[in-house]
All heavy atoms as atom14 arrays in JSON, in Angstrom:
{
  "sequence": "GPVFGAGIVISLQNLLADKVGSWVTVIIGAIFVICVLAFRKGVVGE",
  "atom14_mask": [
    [1, 1, 1, 1, 0, 0, 0, 0, 0, 0, 0, 0, 0, 0],
    [1, 1, 1, 1, 1, 1, 1, 0, 0, 0, 0, 0, 0, 0],
    [1, 1, 1, 1, 1, 1, 1, 0, 0, 0, 0, 0, 0, 0],
    [1, 1, 1, 1, 1, 1, 1, 1, 1, 1, 1, 0, 0, 0],
    [1, 1, 1, 1, 0, 0, 0, 0, 0, 0, 0, 0, 0, 0],
    [1, 1, 1, 1, 1, 0, 0, 0, 0, 0, 0, 0, 0, 0],
    [1, 1, 1, 1, 0, 0, 0, 0, 0, 0, 0, 0, 0, 0],
    [1, 1, 1, 1, 1, 1, 1, 1, 0, 0, 0, 0, 0, 0],
    [1, 1, 1, 1, 1, 1, 1, 0, 0, 0, 0, 0, 0, 0],
    [1, 1, 1, 1, 1, 1, 1, 1, 0, 0, 0, 0, 0, 0],
    [1, 1, 1, 1, 1, 1, 0, 0, 0, 0, 0, 0, 0, 0],
    [1, 1, 1, 1, 1, 1, 1, 1, 0, 0, 0, 0, 0, 0],
    [1, 1, 1, 1, 1, 1, 1, 1, 1, 0, 0, 0, 0, 0],
    [1, 1, 1, 1, 1, 1, 1, 1, 0, 0, 0, 0, 0, 0],
    [1, 1, 1, 1, 1, 1, 1, 1, 0, 0, 0, 0, 0, 0],
    [1, 1, 1, 1, 1, 1, 1, 1, 0, 0, 0, 0, 0, 0],
    [1, 1, 1, 1, 1, 0, 0, 0, 0, 0, 0, 0, 0, 0],
    [1, 1, 1, 1, 1, 1, 1, 1, 0, 0, 0, 0, 0, 0],
    [1, 1, 1, 1, 1, 1, 1, 1, 1, 0, 0, 0, 0, 0],
    [1, 1, 1, 1, 1, 1, 1, 0, 0, 0, 0, 0, 0, 0],
    [1, 1, 1, 1, 0, 0, 0, 0, 0, 0, 0, 0, 0, 0],
    [1, 1, 1, 1, 1, 1, 0, 0, 0, 0, 0, 0, 0, 0],
    [1, 1, 1, 1, 1, 1, 1, 1, 1, 1, 1, 1, 1, 1],
    [1, 1, 1, 1, 1, 1, 1, 0, 0, 0, 0, 0, 0, 0],
    [1, 1, 1, 1, 1, 1, 1, 0, 0, 0, 0, 0, 0, 0],
    [1, 1, 1, 1, 1, 1, 1, 0, 0, 0, 0, 0, 0, 0],
    [1, 1, 1, 1, 1, 1, 1, 1, 0, 0, 0, 0, 0, 0],
    [1, 1, 1, 1, 1, 1, 1, 1, 0, 0, 0, 0, 0, 0],
    [1, 1, 1, 1, 0, 0, 0, 0, 0, 0, 0, 0, 0, 0],
    [1, 1, 1, 1, 1, 0, 0, 0, 0, 0, 0, 0, 0, 0],
    [1, 1, 1, 1, 1, 1, 1, 1, 0, 0, 0, 0, 0, 0],
    [1, 1, 1, 1, 1, 1, 1, 1, 1, 1, 1, 0, 0, 0],
    [1, 1, 1, 1, 1, 1, 1, 0, 0, 0, 0, 0, 0, 0],
    [1, 1, 1, 1, 1, 1, 1, 1, 0, 0, 0, 0, 0, 0],
    [1, 1, 1, 1, 1, 1, 0, 0, 0, 0, 0, 0, 0, 0],
    [1, 1, 1, 1, 1, 1, 1, 0, 0, 0, 0, 0, 0, 0],
    [1, 1, 1, 1, 1, 1, 1, 1, 0, 0, 0, 0, 0, 0],
    [1, 1, 1, 1, 1, 0, 0, 0, 0, 0, 0, 0, 0, 0],
    [1, 1, 1, 1, 1, 1, 1, 1, 1, 1, 1, 0, 0, 0],
    [1, 1, 1, 1, 1, 1, 1, 1, 1, 1, 1, 0, 0, 0],
    [1, 1, 1, 1, 1, 1, 1, 1, 1, 0, 0, 0, 0, 0],
    [1, 1, 1, 1, 0, 0, 0, 0, 0, 0, 0, 0, 0, 0],
    [1, 1, 1, 1, 1, 1, 1, 0, 0, 0, 0, 0, 0, 0],
    [1, 1, 1, 1, 1, 1, 1, 0, 0, 0, 0, 0, 0, 0],
    [1, 1, 1, 1, 0, 0, 0, 0, 0, 0, 0, 0, 0, 0],
    [1, 1, 1, 1, 1, 1, 1, 1, 1, 0, 0, 0, 0, 0]
  ],
  "atom14_positions": [
    [[-25.05, -39.56, -3.4], [-25.98, -40.42, -2.86], [-25.34, -41.52, -1.9], [-25.79, -41.71, -0.79], [0.0, 0.0, 0.0], [0.0, 0.0, 0.0], [0.0, 0.0, 0.0], [0.0, 0.0, 0.0], [0.0, 0.0, 0.0], [0.0, 0.0, 0.0], [0.0, 0.0, 0.0], [0.0, 0.0, 0.0], [0.0, 0.0, 0.0], [0.0, 0.0, 0.0]],
    [[-24.37, -42.29, -2.44], [-23.75, -43.38, -1.57], [-23.13, -42.75, -0.36], [-23.04, -43.45, 0.62], [-22.68, -43.89, -2.62], [-23.23, -43.63, -3.97], [-23.9, -42.25, -3.88], [0.0, 0.0, 0.0], [0.0, 0.0, 0.0], [0.0, 0.0, 0.0], [0.0, 0.0, 0.0], [0.0, 0.0, 0.0], [0.0, 0.0, 0.0], [0.0, 0.0, 0.0]],
    [[-22.49, -41.62, -0.47], [-21.9, -40.97, 0.74], [-22.94, -40.74, 1.75], [-22.76, -40.93, 3.0], [-21.13, -39.76, 0.28], [-20.37, -39.05, 1.58], [-20.07, -40.04, -0.77], [0.0, 0.0, 0.0], [0.0, 0.0, 0.0], [0.0, 0.0, 0.0], [0.0, 0.0, 0.0], [0.0, 0.0, 0.0], [0.0, 0.0, 0.0], [0.0, 0.0, 0.0]],
    [[-24.1, -40.16, 1.34], [-25.09, -39.77, 2.28], [-25.76, -41.1, 2.89], [-26.0, -41.19, 4.03], [-26.28, -39.12, 1.51], [-27.38, -38.61, 2.39], [-27.36, -37.39, 3.08], [-28.53, -39.37, 2.34], [-28.36, -37.09, 3.87], [-29.64, -38.97, 3.14], [-29.49, -37.88, 3.96], [0.0, 0.0, 0.0], [0.0, 0.0, 0.0], [0.0, 0.0, 0.0]],
    [[-25.9, -42.12, 1.91], [-26.49, -43.39, 2.52], [-25.5, -44.09, 3.46], [-25.99, -44.57, 4.47], [0.0, 0.0, 0.0], [0.0, 0.0, 0.0], [0.0, 0.0, 0.0], [0.0, 0.0, 0.0], [0.0, 0.0, 0.0], [0.0, 0.0, 0.0], [0.0, 0.0, 0.0], [0.0, 0.0, 0.0], [0.0, 0.0, 0.0], [0.0, 0.0, 0.0]],
    [[-24.31, -44.04, 3.33], [-23.23, -44.53, 4.14], [-23.32, -43.83, 5.51], [-23.23, -44.37, 6.59], [-21.76, -44.56, 3.57], [0.0, 0.0, 0.0], [0.0, 0.0, 0.0], [0.0, 0.0, 0.0], [0.0, 0.0, 0.0], [0.0, 0.0, 0.0], [0.0, 0.0, 0.0], [0.0, 0.0, 0.0], [0.0, 0.0, 0.0], [0.0, 0.0, 0.0]],
    [[-23.48, -42.4, 5.34], [-23.49, -41.65, 6.6], [-24.74, -42.04, 7.41], [-24.63, -42.13, 8.73], [0.0, 0.0, 0.0], [0.0, 0.0, 0.0], [0.0, 0.0, 0.0], [0.0, 0.0, 0.0], [0.0, 0.0, 0.0], [0.0, 0.0, 0.0], [0.0, 0.0, 0.0], [0.0, 0.0, 0.0], [0.0, 0.0, 0.0], [0.0, 0.0, 0.0]],
    [[-25.82, -42.25, 6.82], [-27.16, -42.58, 7.63], [-26.9, -43.97, 8.25], [-27.21, -44.14, 9.47], [-28.22, -42.71, 6.68], [-28.67, -41.35, 6.17], [-29.47, -43.33, 7.4], [-29.71, -41.19, 5.19], [0.0, 0.0, 0.0], [0.0, 0.0, 0.0], [0.0, 0.0, 0.0], [0.0, 0.0, 0.0], [0.0, 0.0, 0.0], [0.0, 0.0, 0.0]],
    [[-26.4, -44.99, 7.55], [-26.23, -46.29, 8.1], [-25.25, -46.41, 9.15], [-25.54, -46.96, 10.24], [-25.92, -47.33, 6.97], [-25.58, -48.75, 7.51], [-27.03, -47.49, 5.93], [0.0, 0.0, 0.0], [0.0, 0.0, 0.0], [0.0, 0.0, 0.0], [0.0, 0.0, 0.0], [0.0, 0.0, 0.0], [0.0, 0.0, 0.0], [0.0, 0.0, 0.0]],
    [[-24.1, -45.82, 8.96], [-22.98, -45.86, 9.94], [-23.34, -45.12, 11.16], [-23.11, -45.47, 12.33], [-21.65, -45.48, 9.36], [-21.32, -46.33, 8.1], [-20.62, -45.42, 10.42], [-21.13, -47.7, 8.56], [0.0, 0.0, 0.0], [0.0, 0.0, 0.0], [0.0, 0.0, 0.0], [0.0, 0.0, 0.0], [0.0, 0.0, 0.0], [0.0, 0.0, 0.0]],
    [[-24.04, -43.9, 10.98], [-24.47, -43.11, 12.17], [-25.5, -43.78, 13.02], [-25.37, -43.81, 14.28], [-25.01, -41.76, 11.67], [-23.98, -41.02, 10.95], [0.0, 0.0, 0.0], [0.0, 0.0, 0.0], [0.0, 0.0, 0.0], [0.0, 0.0, 0.0], [0.0, 0.0, 0.0], [0.0, 0.0, 0.0], [0.0, 0.0, 0.0], [0.0, 0.0, 0.0]],
    [[-26.46, -44.42, 12.35], [-27.43, -45.18, 13.2], [-26.8, -46.46, 13.9], [-27.14, -46.6, 14.98], [-28.64, -45.69, 12.26], [-29.54, -44.67, 11.63], [-30.41, -45.19, 10.6], [-30.22, -44.06, 12.76], [0.0, 0.0, 0.0], [0.0, 0.0, 0.0], [0.0, 0.0, 0.0], [0.0, 0.0, 0.0], [0.0, 0.0, 0.0], [0.0, 0.0, 0.0]],
    [[-25.93, -47.02, 13.2], [-25.3, -48.23, 13.91], [-24.45, -47.79, 15.13], [-24.47, -48.32, 16.02], [-24.24, -49.01, 12.93], [-25.17, -49.7, 11.93], [-24.12, -50.37, 10.77], [-22.96, -50.08, 10.81], [-24.68, -51.34, 10.03], [0.0, 0.0, 0.0], [0.0, 0.0, 0.0], [0.0, 0.0, 0.0], [0.0, 0.0, 0.0], [0.0, 0.0, 0.0]],
    [[-23.76, -46.6, 14.87], [-22.92, -45.99, 16.06], [-23.78, -45.48, 17.19], [-23.42, -45.76, 18.42], [-22.02, -44.88, 15.46], [-21.01, -44.43, 16.56], [-20.06, -45.04, 16.83], [-21.23, -43.15, 16.99], [0.0, 0.0, 0.0], [0.0, 0.0, 0.0], [0.0, 0.0, 0.0], [0.0, 0.0, 0.0], [0.0, 0.0, 0.0], [0.0, 0.0, 0.0]],
    [[-24.94, -44.87, 16.83], [-25.76, -44.18, 17.86], [-26.67, -45.23, 18.59], [-26.91, -44.99, 19.77], [-26.5, -43.08, 17.29], [-25.76, -41.9, 16.74], [-26.75, -40.9, 15.99], [-25.16, -41.12, 17.82], [0.0, 0.0, 0.0], [0.0, 0.0, 0.0], [0.0, 0.0, 0.0], [0.0, 0.0, 0.0], [0.0, 0.0, 0.0], [0.0, 0.0, 0.0]],
    [[-27.07, -46.2, 17.94], [-28.13, -47.0, 18.42], [-27.71, -48.44, 18.85], [-28.36, -49.09, 19.63], [-29.35, -47.25, 17.42], [-30.0, -45.96, 16.88], [-31.06, -46.35, 15.87], [-30.65, -45.25, 18.1], [0.0, 0.0, 0.0], [0.0, 0.0, 0.0], [0.0, 0.0, 0.0], [0.0, 0.0, 0.0], [0.0, 0.0, 0.0], [0.0, 0.0, 0.0]],
    [[-26.45, -48.85, 18.54], [-26.03, -50.22, 18.8], [-26.07, -50.47, 20.38], [-26.36, -51.54, 20.78], [-24.64, -50.4, 18.16], [0.0, 0.0, 0.0], [0.0, 0.0, 0.0], [0.0, 0.0, 0.0], [0.0, 0.0, 0.0], [0.0, 0.0, 0.0], [0.0, 0.0, 0.0], [0.0, 0.0, 0.0], [0.0, 0.0, 0.0], [0.0, 0.0, 0.0]],
    [[-25.48, -49.39, 21.09], [-25.49, -49.68, 22.57], [-26.77, -49.48, 23.26], [-26.89, -49.62, 24.42], [-24.4, -48.77, 23.2], [-24.65, -47.22, 22.87], [-25.41, -46.92, 22.01], [-24.09, -46.34, 23.69], [0.0, 0.0, 0.0], [0.0, 0.0, 0.0], [0.0, 0.0, 0.0], [0.0, 0.0, 0.0], [0.0, 0.0, 0.0], [0.0, 0.0, 0.0]],
    [[-27.78, -48.94, 22.52], [-29.12, -48.56, 23.19], [-30.11, -49.65, 22.87], [-30.89, -50.1, 23.7], [-29.61, -47.34, 22.58], [-28.69, -46.1, 22.98], [-29.32, -44.8, 22.46], [-28.42, -43.6, 22.96], [-27.1, -43.65, 22.43], [0.0, 0.0, 0.0], [0.0, 0.0, 0.0], [0.0, 0.0, 0.0], [0.0, 0.0, 0.0], [0.0, 0.0, 0.0]],
    [[-30.07, -50.17, 21.64], [-31.1, -51.22, 21.22], [-30.55, -52.54, 20.74], [-31.36, -53.39, 20.42], [-32.03, -50.58, 20.12], [-32.82, -49.34, 20.53], [-31.16, -50.24, 18.82], [0.0, 0.0, 0.0], [0.0, 0.0, 0.0], [0.0, 0.0, 0.0], [0.0, 0.0, 0.0], [0.0, 0.0, 0.0], [0.0, 0.0, 0.0], [0.0, 0.0, 0.0]],
    [[-29.27, -52.62, 20.75], [-28.58, -53.91, 20.42], [-28.78, -54.25, 18.98], [-28.67, -53.49, 18.06], [0.0, 0.0, 0.0], [0.0, 0.0, 0.0], [0.0, 0.0, 0.0], [0.0, 0.0, 0.0], [0.0, 0.0, 0.0], [0.0, 0.0, 0.0], [0.0, 0.0, 0.0], [0.0, 0.0, 0.0], [0.0, 0.0, 0.0], [0.0, 0.0, 0.0]],
    [[-29.21, -55.55, 18.72], [-29.31, -56.03, 17.42], [-30.65, -55.5, 16.75], [-30.71, -55.64, 15.45], [-29.45, -57.63, 17.49], [-30.61, -57.96, 18.23], [0.0, 0.0, 0.0], [0.0, 0.0, 0.0], [0.0, 0.0, 0.0], [0.0, 0.0, 0.0], [0.0, 0.0, 0.0], [0.0, 0.0, 0.0], [0.0, 0.0, 0.0], [0.0, 0.0, 0.0]],
    [[-31.47, -54.76, 17.5], [-32.67, -54.1, 16.95], [-32.28, -53.02, 15.96], [-33.25, -52.53, 15.22], [-33.58, -53.58, 18.03], [-34.42, -54.7, 18.57], [-34.1, -55.49, 19.75], [-35.65, -55.2, 18.12], [-35.14, -56.44, 19.87], [-36.05, -56.31, 19.05], [-36.55, -54.79, 17.07], [-37.3, -56.84, 18.76], [-37.67, -55.52, 16.92], [-38.08, -56.53, 17.75]],
    [[-31.02, -52.58, 15.96], [-30.68, -51.58, 15.04], [-30.84, -51.95, 13.63], [-31.21, -51.2, 12.74], [-29.12, -51.11, 15.29], [-28.12, -52.13, 14.94], [-28.79, -49.88, 14.47], [0.0, 0.0, 0.0], [0.0, 0.0, 0.0], [0.0, 0.0, 0.0], [0.0, 0.0, 0.0], [0.0, 0.0, 0.0], [0.0, 0.0, 0.0], [0.0, 0.0, 0.0]],
    [[-30.59, -53.28, 13.29], [-30.76, -53.79, 11.96], [-32.27, -53.61, 11.54], [-32.6, -53.37, 10.41], [-30.38, -55.21, 11.84], [-30.99, -56.05, 12.74], [-28.88, -55.33, 12.05], [0.0, 0.0, 0.0], [0.0, 0.0, 0.0], [0.0, 0.0, 0.0], [0.0, 0.0, 0.0], [0.0, 0.0, 0.0], [0.0, 0.0, 0.0], [0.0, 0.0, 0.0]],
    [[-33.26, -53.89, 12.53], [-34.65, -53.76, 12.25], [-35.0, -52.19, 11.88], [-35.71, -52.02, 11.01], [-35.41, -54.18, 13.39], [-36.92, -54.04, 13.12], [-35.16, -55.77, 13.67], [0.0, 0.0, 0.0], [0.0, 0.0, 0.0], [0.0, 0.0, 0.0], [0.0, 0.0, 0.0], [0.0, 0.0, 0.0], [0.0, 0.0, 0.0], [0.0, 0.0, 0.0]],
    [[-34.46, -51.37, 12.71], [-34.64, -49.91, 12.53], [-34.16, -49.49, 11.1], [-34.87, -48.75, 10.36], [-33.89, -49.11, 13.64], [-34.6, -49.46, 14.97], [-34.05, -47.55, 13.35], [-34.0, -48.81, 16.11], [0.0, 0.0, 0.0], [0.0, 0.0, 0.0], [0.0, 0.0, 0.0], [0.0, 0.0, 0.0], [0.0, 0.0, 0.0], [0.0, 0.0, 0.0]],
    [[-32.94, -49.81, 10.75], [-32.36, -49.49, 9.41], [-33.2, -50.12, 8.42], [-33.51, -49.52, 7.29], [-30.82, -50.08, 9.4], [-30.03, -49.2, 10.43], [-30.23, -49.81, 8.05], [-28.52, -49.67, 10.43], [0.0, 0.0, 0.0], [0.0, 0.0, 0.0], [0.0, 0.0, 0.0], [0.0, 0.0, 0.0], [0.0, 0.0, 0.0], [0.0, 0.0, 0.0]],
    [[-33.62, -51.41, 8.55], [-34.48, -52.02, 7.48], [-35.76, -51.27, 7.3], [-36.3, -51.18, 6.23], [0.0, 0.0, 0.0], [0.0, 0.0, 0.0], [0.0, 0.0, 0.0], [0.0, 0.0, 0.0], [0.0, 0.0, 0.0], [0.0, 0.0, 0.0], [0.0, 0.0, 0.0], [0.0, 0.0, 0.0], [0.0, 0.0, 0.0], [0.0, 0.0, 0.0]],
    [[-36.41, -50.89, 8.48], [-37.61, -50.02, 8.33], [-37.38, -48.75, 7.72], [-38.25, -48.34, 6.77], [-38.19, -49.76, 9.81], [0.0, 0.0, 0.0], [0.0, 0.0, 0.0], [0.0, 0.0, 0.0], [0.0, 0.0, 0.0], [0.0, 0.0, 0.0], [0.0, 0.0, 0.0], [0.0, 0.0, 0.0], [0.0, 0.0, 0.0], [0.0, 0.0, 0.0]],
    [[-36.31, -48.11, 7.97], [-35.98, -46.77, 7.2], [-35.84, -47.22, 5.68], [-36.23, -46.34, 4.79], [-34.68, -46.24, 7.83], [-35.01, -45.72, 9.24], [-34.26, -45.04, 6.91], [-33.74, -45.23, 9.99], [0.0, 0.0, 0.0], [0.0, 0.0, 0.0], [0.0, 0.0, 0.0], [0.0, 0.0, 0.0], [0.0, 0.0, 0.0], [0.0, 0.0, 0.0]],
    [[-35.12, -48.21, 5.45], [-34.88, -48.55, 3.98], [-36.32, -48.79, 3.26], [-36.56, -48.4, 2.24], [-34.06, -49.78, 3.92], [-33.94, -50.33, 2.46], [-33.25, -49.62, 1.58], [-34.51, -51.5, 2.11], [-33.03, -50.0, 0.31], [-34.26, -52.01, 0.9], [-33.57, -51.31, -0.12], [0.0, 0.0, 0.0], [0.0, 0.0, 0.0], [0.0, 0.0, 0.0]],
    [[-37.24, -49.58, 3.96], [-38.52, -49.77, 3.34], [-39.21, -48.47, 3.13], [-39.82, -48.22, 2.07], [-39.36, -50.78, 4.19], [-40.78, -50.82, 3.83], [-38.75, -52.02, 4.37], [0.0, 0.0, 0.0], [0.0, 0.0, 0.0], [0.0, 0.0, 0.0], [0.0, 0.0, 0.0], [0.0, 0.0, 0.0], [0.0, 0.0, 0.0], [0.0, 0.0, 0.0]],
    [[-39.24, -47.59, 4.09], [-39.87, -46.28, 3.87], [-39.26, -45.47, 2.75], [-39.94, -44.85, 1.96], [-39.78, -45.44, 5.26], [-40.65, -46.12, 6.51], [-40.27, -44.02, 5.05], [-40.49, -45.57, 7.65], [0.0, 0.0, 0.0], [0.0, 0.0, 0.0], [0.0, 0.0, 0.0], [0.0, 0.0, 0.0], [0.0, 0.0, 0.0], [0.0, 0.0, 0.0]],
    [[-37.98, -45.45, 2.77], [-37.24, -44.91, 1.61], [-37.62, -45.36, 0.28], [-37.87, -44.7, -0.6], [-35.74, -44.93, 1.82], [-34.7, -44.06, 0.49], [0.0, 0.0, 0.0], [0.0, 0.0, 0.0], [0.0, 0.0, 0.0], [0.0, 0.0, 0.0], [0.0, 0.0, 0.0], [0.0, 0.0, 0.0], [0.0, 0.0, 0.0], [0.0, 0.0, 0.0]],
    [[-37.78, -46.75, 0.11], [-38.09, -47.37, -1.19], [-39.49, -46.93, -1.56], [-39.8, -46.72, -2.62], [-37.88, -48.81, -1.02], [-38.54, -49.5, -2.3], [-36.49, -49.23, -0.87], [0.0, 0.0, 0.0], [0.0, 0.0, 0.0], [0.0, 0.0, 0.0], [0.0, 0.0, 0.0], [0.0, 0.0, 0.0], [0.0, 0.0, 0.0], [0.0, 0.0, 0.0]],
    [[-40.37, -46.86, -0.55], [-41.82, -46.58, -0.72], [-41.99, -45.05, -1.17], [-42.76, -44.69, -1.99], [-42.75, -46.95, 0.38], [-42.81, -48.46, 0.59], [-43.67, -48.73, 1.84], [-43.44, -49.17, -0.6], [0.0, 0.0, 0.0], [0.0, 0.0, 0.0], [0.0, 0.0, 0.0], [0.0, 0.0, 0.0], [0.0, 0.0, 0.0], [0.0, 0.0, 0.0]],
    [[-41.3, -44.2, -0.35], [-41.44, -42.75, -0.49], [-40.45, -42.05, -1.34], [-40.81, -41.05, -2.09], [-41.46, -42.1, 0.87], [0.0, 0.0, 0.0], [0.0, 0.0, 0.0], [0.0, 0.0, 0.0], [0.0, 0.0, 0.0], [0.0, 0.0, 0.0], [0.0, 0.0, 0.0], [0.0, 0.0, 0.0], [0.0, 0.0, 0.0], [0.0, 0.0, 0.0]],
    [[-39.24, -42.68, -1.47], [-38.13, -41.97, -2.22], [-37.51, -43.07, -3.08], [-36.48, -43.56, -2.8], [-37.07, -41.4, -1.32], [-37.65, -40.48, -0.29], [-37.79, -40.83, 0.96], [-38.0, -39.14, -0.69], [-38.44, -39.93, 1.9], [-38.42, -38.26, 0.24], [-38.65, -38.67, 1.52], [0.0, 0.0, 0.0], [0.0, 0.0, 0.0], [0.0, 0.0, 0.0]],
    [[-38.15, -43.37, -4.21], [-37.77, -44.6, -5.0], [-36.32, -44.32, -5.55], [-35.65, -45.22, -5.9], [-38.76, -44.88, -6.05], [-40.03, -45.32, -5.38], [-41.01, -45.88, -6.55], [-40.38, -47.12, -7.01], [-40.97, -47.95, -7.91], [-42.22, -47.6, -8.45], [-40.45, -49.09, -8.28], [0.0, 0.0, 0.0], [0.0, 0.0, 0.0], [0.0, 0.0, 0.0]],
    [[-35.99, -43.04, -5.78], [-34.67, -42.75, -6.32], [-33.6, -42.45, -5.31], [-32.48, -42.07, -5.55], [-34.76, -41.57, -7.25], [-35.66, -41.79, -8.43], [-35.65, -40.56, -9.25], [-36.6, -40.66, -10.55], [-36.66, -39.46, -11.42], [0.0, 0.0, 0.0], [0.0, 0.0, 0.0], [0.0, 0.0, 0.0], [0.0, 0.0, 0.0], [0.0, 0.0, 0.0]],
    [[-33.92, -42.72, -4.0], [-33.04, -42.39, -2.94], [-33.18, -40.99, -2.53], [-33.73, -40.21, -3.25], [0.0, 0.0, 0.0], [0.0, 0.0, 0.0], [0.0, 0.0, 0.0], [0.0, 0.0, 0.0], [0.0, 0.0, 0.0], [0.0, 0.0, 0.0], [0.0, 0.0, 0.0], [0.0, 0.0, 0.0], [0.0, 0.0, 0.0], [0.0, 0.0, 0.0]],
    [[-32.77, -40.62, -1.3], [-32.82, -39.28, -0.88], [-32.31, -38.33, -1.73], [-32.92, -37.26, -2.23], [-32.27, -39.1, 0.55], [-32.34, -37.73, 1.08], [-32.97, -40.15, 1.51], [0.0, 0.0, 0.0], [0.0, 0.0, 0.0], [0.0, 0.0, 0.0], [0.0, 0.0, 0.0], [0.0, 0.0, 0.0], [0.0, 0.0, 0.0], [0.0, 0.0, 0.0]],
    [[-30.99, -38.5, -2.09], [-30.26, -37.52, -3.03], [-30.83, -37.54, -4.38], [-31.1, -36.48, -5.02], [-28.73, -37.76, -3.02], [-28.13, -36.87, -3.96], [-28.26, -37.59, -1.63], [0.0, 0.0, 0.0], [0.0, 0.0, 0.0], [0.0, 0.0, 0.0], [0.0, 0.0, 0.0], [0.0, 0.0, 0.0], [0.0, 0.0, 0.0], [0.0, 0.0, 0.0]],
    [[-31.31, -38.62, -4.83], [-31.82, -38.76, -6.26], [-33.16, -38.07, -6.28], [-33.42, -37.42, -7.31], [0.0, 0.0, 0.0], [0.0, 0.0, 0.0], [0.0, 0.0, 0.0], [0.0, 0.0, 0.0], [0.0, 0.0, 0.0], [0.0, 0.0, 0.0], [0.0, 0.0, 0.0], [0.0, 0.0, 0.0], [0.0, 0.0, 0.0], [0.0, 0.0, 0.0]],
    [[-34.02, -38.2, -5.25], [-35.26, -37.44, -5.26], [-35.07, -35.89, -5.28], [-35.78, -35.22, -5.82], [-36.19, -38.02, -4.07], [-36.7, -39.38, -4.33], [-37.72, -39.47, -5.36], [-38.28, -38.32, -5.75], [-38.09, -40.57, -5.72], [0.0, 0.0, 0.0], [0.0, 0.0, 0.0], [0.0, 0.0, 0.0], [0.0, 0.0, 0.0], [0.0, 0.0, 0.0]]
  ]
}
């Protein structure tokens, strides 16, 4: 799970940082909220 989570966060930062700038933190935060609401055990845990 932690490896998968690190892959998602680092990949999004790498892919979106030059496109949306500091908004990448908002996108990652939104993904986290969705994950907490829909996958309370995390992606791998679910």
